[in-house]
Amino acid sequence: MNIQTERIKLEPLGTKHFNTTCRYSTDPENTKMMCFLPCDSDDEVMNYLRKCEIQWTMETPEYLDAAILSEGVHVGAVSIELLDNCTVGEFGWIIDKNYWGRGFAVEAAEAFMKYVNNRFGLKRFIAHADADNLSSIRVMEKLGMRKKSISSGRKNRSSEEERMECLYELDLTAKC
């Protein structure tokens, strides 16, 4: 897999991205609104990157993570968890805070959405976000996703506080 857009390149996320992944995935500010981050240790990051590499070798992976490169610099990642017999893709993304506000998440997600849909023929894409994560909500809306629900019970890893969570969806089977 090698996806190139006008400004970015996507490639399989793996151990070669260890140092830059550590930078953004262990940073509490960068990850404060995320359920599964920040990572607690470099070992946790390395173990995850090894699992990512294995997923890319599978005919039917559980998830795929792609590194986002801008001018050769690893600035973040975009991921898809494949659900319901590969008919639904759950999006996730993270951008290093040094590159926030440049549109990388939208550009990467659009490109990855096309790749994953061409490979698996999905029927829907979904994404969750902390209700206060306005940047991720804007990304979902720019991708054409619509809010399906808002619910309580979200726990971000860096906080014990119960939060509200938005669920967005893009139904590819809907007729105009």
C-alpha atoms as a PDB file:
ATOM      1  CA  MET A   1       0.000   0.000   0.000  1.00  0.00           C
ATOM      2  CA  ASN A   2       1.341   3.352  -1.025  1.00  0.00           C
ATOM      3  CA  ILE A   3      -1.098   6.238  -1.271  1.00  0.00           C
ATOM      4  CA  GLN A   4      -0.003   9.642  -2.513  1.00  0.00           C
ATOM      5  CA  THR A   5      -2.095  12.812  -2.519  1.00  0.00           C
ATOM      6  CA  GLU A   6      -1.049  16.322  -3.450  1.00  0.00           C
ATOM      7  CA  ARG A   7       0.466  17.012  -0.013  1.00  0.00           C
ATOM      8  CA  ILE A   8       0.847  13.707   1.810  1.00  0.00           C
ATOM      9  CA  LYS A   9       1.859  10.101   1.468  1.00  0.00           C
ATOM     10  CA  LEU A  10       0.321   7.207   3.398  1.00  0.00           C
ATOM     11  CA  GLU A  11       2.296   4.070   4.096  1.00  0.00           C
ATOM     12  CA  PRO A  12       1.779   1.135   6.465  1.00  0.00           C
ATOM     13  CA  LEU A  13       2.495   2.200  10.051  1.00  0.00           C
ATOM     14  CA  GLY A  14       5.244   0.101  11.594  1.00  0.00           C
ATOM     15  CA  THR A  15       8.376  -0.090  13.670  1.00  0.00           C
ATOM     16  CA  LYS A  16      10.297   2.267  11.383  1.00  0.00           C
ATOM     17  CA  HIS A  17       7.968   5.007  12.701  1.00  0.00           C
ATOM     18  CA  PHE A  18       8.824   4.260  16.346  1.00  0.00           C
ATOM     19  CA  ASN A  19      10.460   7.551  17.372  1.00  0.00           C
ATOM     20  CA  THR A  20       7.865   9.807  15.806  1.00  0.00           C
ATOM     21  CA  THR A  21       4.971   7.650  17.006  1.00  0.00           C
ATOM     22  CA  CYS A  22       6.373   7.856  20.544  1.00  0.00           C
ATOM     23  CA  ARG A  23       6.484  11.636  20.267  1.00  0.00           C
ATOM     24  CA  TYR A  24       2.787  12.090  19.591  1.00  0.00           C
ATOM     25  CA  SER A  25       1.297   8.975  21.239  1.00  0.00           C
ATOM     26  CA  THR A  26       2.897   9.482  24.658  1.00  0.00           C
ATOM     27  CA  ASP A  27       2.235  13.234  24.847  1.00  0.00           C
ATOM     28  CA  PRO A  28      -0.639  13.966  27.289  1.00  0.00           C
ATOM     29  CA  GLU A  29      -1.581  17.214  25.521  1.00  0.00           C
ATOM     30  CA  ASN A  30      -1.617  15.527  22.119  1.00  0.00           C
ATOM     31  CA  THR A  31      -3.807  12.666  23.369  1.00  0.00           C
ATOM     32  CA  LYS A  32      -6.008  14.207  26.069  1.00  0.00           C
ATOM     33  CA  MET A  33      -9.287  13.452  24.251  1.00  0.00           C
ATOM     34  CA  MET A  34      -8.441   9.895  23.211  1.00  0.00           C
ATOM     35  CA  CYS A  35      -9.729   6.628  24.672  1.00  0.00           C
ATOM     36  CA  PHE A  36      -6.641   4.476  24.105  1.00  0.00           C
ATOM     37  CA  LEU A  37      -3.844   7.027  24.408  1.00  0.00           C
ATOM     38  CA  PRO A  38      -1.471   8.254  25.741  1.00  0.00           C
ATOM     39  CA  CYS A  39       0.759   5.212  25.672  1.00  0.00           C
ATOM     40  CA  ASP A  40       2.375   4.519  29.022  1.00  0.00           C
ATOM     41  CA  SER A  41       5.769   3.424  27.721  1.00  0.00           C
ATOM     42  CA  ASP A  42       8.017   3.024  24.709  1.00  0.00           C
ATOM     43  CA  ASP A  43       7.418  -0.740  24.979  1.00  0.00           C
ATOM     44  CA  GLU A  44       3.679  -0.208  24.566  1.00  0.00           C
ATOM     45  CA  VAL A  45       4.321   1.849  21.417  1.00  0.00           C
ATOM     46  CA  MET A  46       6.721  -0.760  19.968  1.00  0.00           C
ATOM     47  CA  ASN A  47       4.341  -3.638  20.693  1.00  0.00           C
ATOM     48  CA  TYR A  48       1.522  -1.793  18.946  1.00  0.00           C
ATOM     49  CA  LEU A  49       3.675  -0.988  15.906  1.00  0.00           C
ATOM     50  CA  ARG A  50       4.659  -4.671  15.610  1.00  0.00           C
ATOM     51  CA  LYS A  51       0.978  -5.633  15.692  1.00  0.00           C
ATOM     52  CA  CYS A  52       0.283  -3.052  12.975  1.00  0.00           C
ATOM     53  CA  GLU A  53       2.915  -4.644  10.741  1.00  0.00           C
ATOM     54  CA  ILE A  54       1.312  -8.072  11.200  1.00  0.00           C
ATOM     55  CA  GLN A  55      -2.133  -6.716  10.331  1.00  0.00           C
ATOM     56  CA  TRP A  56      -0.820  -5.402   7.007  1.00  0.00           C
ATOM     57  CA  THR A  57       0.251  -8.943   6.031  1.00  0.00           C
ATOM     58  CA  MET A  58      -3.189 -10.458   6.628  1.00  0.00           C
ATOM     59  CA  GLU A  59      -5.720 -11.006   3.862  1.00  0.00           C
ATOM     60  CA  THR A  60      -8.531 -10.009   6.231  1.00  0.00           C
ATOM     61  CA  PRO A  61      -7.018  -7.789   8.933  1.00  0.00           C
ATOM     62  CA  GLU A  62      -8.825  -6.601  12.058  1.00  0.00           C
ATOM     63  CA  TYR A  63      -7.498  -3.078  11.529  1.00  0.00           C
ATOM     64  CA  LEU A  64      -5.086  -1.108   9.375  1.00  0.00           C
ATOM     65  CA  ASP A  65      -2.987   1.853  10.477  1.00  0.00           C
ATOM     66  CA  ALA A  66      -1.205   4.130   8.026  1.00  0.00           C
ATOM     67  CA  ALA A  67       1.523   6.650   8.759  1.00  0.00           C
ATOM     68  CA  ILE A  68       0.863  10.131   7.384  1.00  0.00           C
ATOM     69  CA  LEU A  69       3.977  11.663   5.820  1.00  0.00           C
ATOM     70  CA  SER A  70       4.292  15.282   4.748  1.00  0.00           C
ATOM     71  CA  GLU A  71       7.456  16.123   2.822  1.00  0.00           C
ATOM     72  CA  GLY A  72       8.927  12.885   4.198  1.00  0.00           C
ATOM     73  CA  VAL A  73       8.130  13.761   7.836  1.00  0.00           C
ATOM     74  CA  HIS A  74       5.857  11.440   9.844  1.00  0.00           C
ATOM     75  CA  VAL A  75       3.160  13.803  11.157  1.00  0.00           C
ATOM     76  CA  GLY A  76       0.494  11.370  12.360  1.00  0.00           C
ATOM     77  CA  ALA A  77      -1.550   8.291  11.568  1.00  0.00           C
ATOM     78  CA  VAL A  78      -4.952   7.278  10.284  1.00  0.00           C
ATOM     79  CA  SER A  79      -6.571   3.953  11.107  1.00  0.00           C
ATOM     80  CA  ILE A  80      -9.532   1.794  10.205  1.00  0.00           C
ATOM     81  CA  GLU A  81     -10.888  -0.987  12.371  1.00  0.00           C
ATOM     82  CA  LEU A  82     -12.826  -3.435  10.217  1.00  0.00           C
ATOM     83  CA  LEU A  83     -16.139  -4.475  11.789  1.00  0.00           C
ATOM     84  CA  ASP A  84     -19.161  -6.594  10.884  1.00  0.00           C
ATOM     85  CA  ASN A  85     -17.381  -8.940   8.453  1.00  0.00           C
ATOM     86  CA  CYS A  86     -15.525  -6.055   6.811  1.00  0.00           C
ATOM     87  CA  THR A  87     -18.694  -4.129   5.971  1.00  0.00           C
ATOM     88  CA  VAL A  88     -18.071  -1.272   8.422  1.00  0.00           C
ATOM     89  CA  GLY A  89     -14.894   0.710   8.932  1.00  0.00           C
ATOM     90  CA  GLU A  90     -14.328   2.619  12.155  1.00  0.00           C
ATOM     91  CA  PHE A  91     -12.005   5.559  11.581  1.00  0.00           C
ATOM     92  CA  GLY A  92      -9.408   6.958  13.909  1.00  0.00           C
ATOM     93  CA  TRP A  93      -6.653   9.509  13.445  1.00  0.00           C
ATOM     94  CA  ILE A  94      -3.991  11.341  15.344  1.00  0.00           C
ATOM     95  CA  ILE A  95      -1.858  14.251  14.240  1.00  0.00           C
ATOM     96  CA  ASP A  96       1.274  15.387  16.043  1.00  0.00           C
ATOM     97  CA  LYS A  97       0.320  18.652  17.766  1.00  0.00           C
ATOM     98  CA  ASN A  98       3.149  20.410  15.897  1.00  0.00           C
ATOM     99  CA  TYR A  99       1.128  19.839  12.700  1.00  0.00           C
ATOM    100  CA  TRP A 100      -2.422  20.571  13.919  1.00  0.00           C
ATOM    101  CA  GLY A 101      -4.623  22.847  11.830  1.00  0.00           C
ATOM    102  CA  ARG A 102      -3.113  22.030   8.440  1.00  0.00           C
ATOM    103  CA  GLY A 103      -5.820  19.694   7.123  1.00  0.00           C
ATOM    104  CA  PHE A 104      -3.698  16.535   7.285  1.00  0.00           C
ATOM    105  CA  ALA A 105      -6.363  14.473   9.091  1.00  0.00           C
ATOM    106  CA  VAL A 106      -9.041  15.183   6.482  1.00  0.00           C
ATOM    107  CA  GLU A 107      -6.705  14.614   3.539  1.00  0.00           C
ATOM    108  CA  ALA A 108      -5.368  11.364   5.001  1.00  0.00           C
ATOM    109  CA  ALA A 109      -8.800  10.060   6.001  1.00  0.00           C
ATOM    110  CA  GLU A 110     -10.265  10.781   2.544  1.00  0.00           C
ATOM    111  CA  ALA A 111      -7.421   8.955   0.823  1.00  0.00           C
ATOM    112  CA  PHE A 112      -7.501   6.036   3.261  1.00  0.00           C
ATOM    113  CA  MET A 113     -11.297   5.820   2.980  1.00  0.00           C
ATOM    114  CA  LYS A 114     -10.984   5.314  -0.793  1.00  0.00           C
ATOM    115  CA  TYR A 115      -8.237   2.714  -0.388  1.00  0.00           C
ATOM    116  CA  VAL A 116     -10.079   0.691   2.256  1.00  0.00           C
ATOM    117  CA  ASN A 117     -13.379   0.890   0.396  1.00  0.00           C
ATOM    118  CA  ASN A 118     -11.768  -0.283  -2.850  1.00  0.00           C
ATOM    119  CA  ARG A 119     -10.098  -3.175  -1.008  1.00  0.00           C
ATOM    120  CA  PHE A 120     -13.059  -4.337   1.107  1.00  0.00           C
ATOM    121  CA  GLY A 121     -16.232  -2.797  -0.378  1.00  0.00           C
ATOM    122  CA  LEU A 122     -17.497  -1.335   2.883  1.00  0.00           C
ATOM    123  CA  LYS A 123     -21.088  -0.246   3.432  1.00  0.00           C
ATOM    124  CA  ARG A 124     -20.454   2.308   6.186  1.00  0.00           C
ATOM    125  CA  PHE A 125     -17.777   4.322   7.884  1.00  0.00           C
ATOM    126  CA  ILE A 126     -18.159   5.390  11.498  1.00  0.00           C
ATOM    127  CA  ALA A 127     -16.058   7.444  13.899  1.00  0.00           C
ATOM    128  CA  HIS A 128     -16.297   8.402  17.566  1.00  0.00           C
ATOM    129  CA  ALA A 129     -15.010  11.546  19.243  1.00  0.00           C
ATOM    130  CA  ASP A 130     -15.095  13.185  22.620  1.00  0.00           C
ATOM    131  CA  ALA A 131     -17.954  15.688  22.369  1.00  0.00           C
ATOM    132  CA  ASP A 132     -15.508  18.500  23.195  1.00  0.00           C
ATOM    133  CA  ASN A 133     -13.051  17.480  20.465  1.00  0.00           C
ATOM    134  CA  LEU A 134     -14.242  20.034  17.936  1.00  0.00           C
ATOM    135  CA  SER A 135     -11.283  19.412  15.621  1.00  0.00           C
ATOM    136  CA  SER A 136     -12.182  15.735  15.171  1.00  0.00           C
ATOM    137  CA  ILE A 137     -15.853  16.595  14.786  1.00  0.00           C
ATOM    138  CA  ARG A 138     -14.931  19.016  11.966  1.00  0.00           C
ATOM    139  CA  VAL A 139     -12.856  16.268  10.321  1.00  0.00           C
ATOM    140  CA  MET A 140     -15.828  13.893  10.426  1.00  0.00           C
ATOM    141  CA  GLU A 141     -18.141  16.504   8.949  1.00  0.00           C
ATOM    142  CA  LYS A 142     -15.672  17.353   6.169  1.00  0.00           C
ATOM    143  CA  LEU A 143     -15.584  13.644   5.324  1.00  0.00           C
ATOM    144  CA  GLY A 144     -19.347  13.796   4.772  1.00  0.00           C
ATOM    145  CA  MET A 145     -20.175  11.966   7.998  1.00  0.00           C
ATOM    146  CA  ARG A 146     -23.310  12.897   9.918  1.00  0.00           C
ATOM    147  CA  LYS A 147     -23.906  12.796  13.650  1.00  0.00           C
ATOM    148  CA  LYS A 148     -25.876   9.698  14.606  1.00  0.00           C
ATOM    149  CA  SER A 149     -25.821  10.022  18.376  1.00  0.00           C
ATOM    150  CA  ILE A 150     -24.288  11.577  21.447  1.00  0.00           C
ATOM    151  CA  SER A 151     -24.037   9.507  24.597  1.00  0.00           C
ATOM    152  CA  SER A 152     -22.426   9.435  28.013  1.00  0.00           C
ATOM    153  CA  GLY A 153     -19.962   6.931  29.375  1.00  0.00           C
ATOM    154  CA  ARG A 154     -16.827   7.789  27.422  1.00  0.00           C
ATOM    155  CA  LYS A 155     -13.589   7.338  29.360  1.00  0.00           C
ATOM    156  CA  ASN A 156     -10.489   8.953  27.962  1.00  0.00           C
ATOM    157  CA  ARG A 157      -7.343   7.146  29.053  1.00  0.00           C
ATOM    158  CA  SER A 158      -5.751  10.194  30.665  1.00  0.00           C
ATOM    159  CA  SER A 159      -8.777  10.985  32.838  1.00  0.00           C
ATOM    160  CA  GLU A 160     -11.197   9.239  35.175  1.00  0.00           C
ATOM    161  CA  GLU A 161     -13.900  11.738  34.232  1.00  0.00           C
ATOM    162  CA  GLU A 162     -16.891  10.354  32.384  1.00  0.00           C
ATOM    163  CA  ARG A 163     -17.306  12.259  29.127  1.00  0.00           C
ATOM    164  CA  MET A 164     -19.857  12.613  26.350  1.00  0.00           C
ATOM    165  CA  GLU A 165     -19.127  10.919  23.031  1.00  0.00           C
ATOM    166  CA  CYS A 166     -20.345  11.663  19.512  1.00  0.00           C
ATOM    167  CA  LEU A 167     -20.876   8.928  16.938  1.00  0.00           C
ATOM    168  CA  TYR A 168     -20.701   9.950  13.281  1.00  0.00           C
ATOM    169  CA  GLU A 169     -21.522   7.818  10.262  1.00  0.00           C
ATOM    170  CA  LEU A 170     -21.172   7.831   6.496  1.00  0.00           C
ATOM    171  CA  ASP A 171     -23.605   5.342   4.948  1.00  0.00           C
ATOM    172  CA  LEU A 172     -22.336   4.344   1.520  1.00  0.00           C
ATOM    173  CA  THR A 173     -25.559   2.477   0.694  1.00  0.00           C
ATOM    174  CA  ALA A 174     -27.825   5.517   1.100  1.00  0.00           C
ATOM    175  CA  LYS A 175     -29.462   6.680  -2.104  1.00  0.00           C
ATOM    176  CA  CYS A 176     -29.639  10.365  -3.024  1.00  0.00           C
END
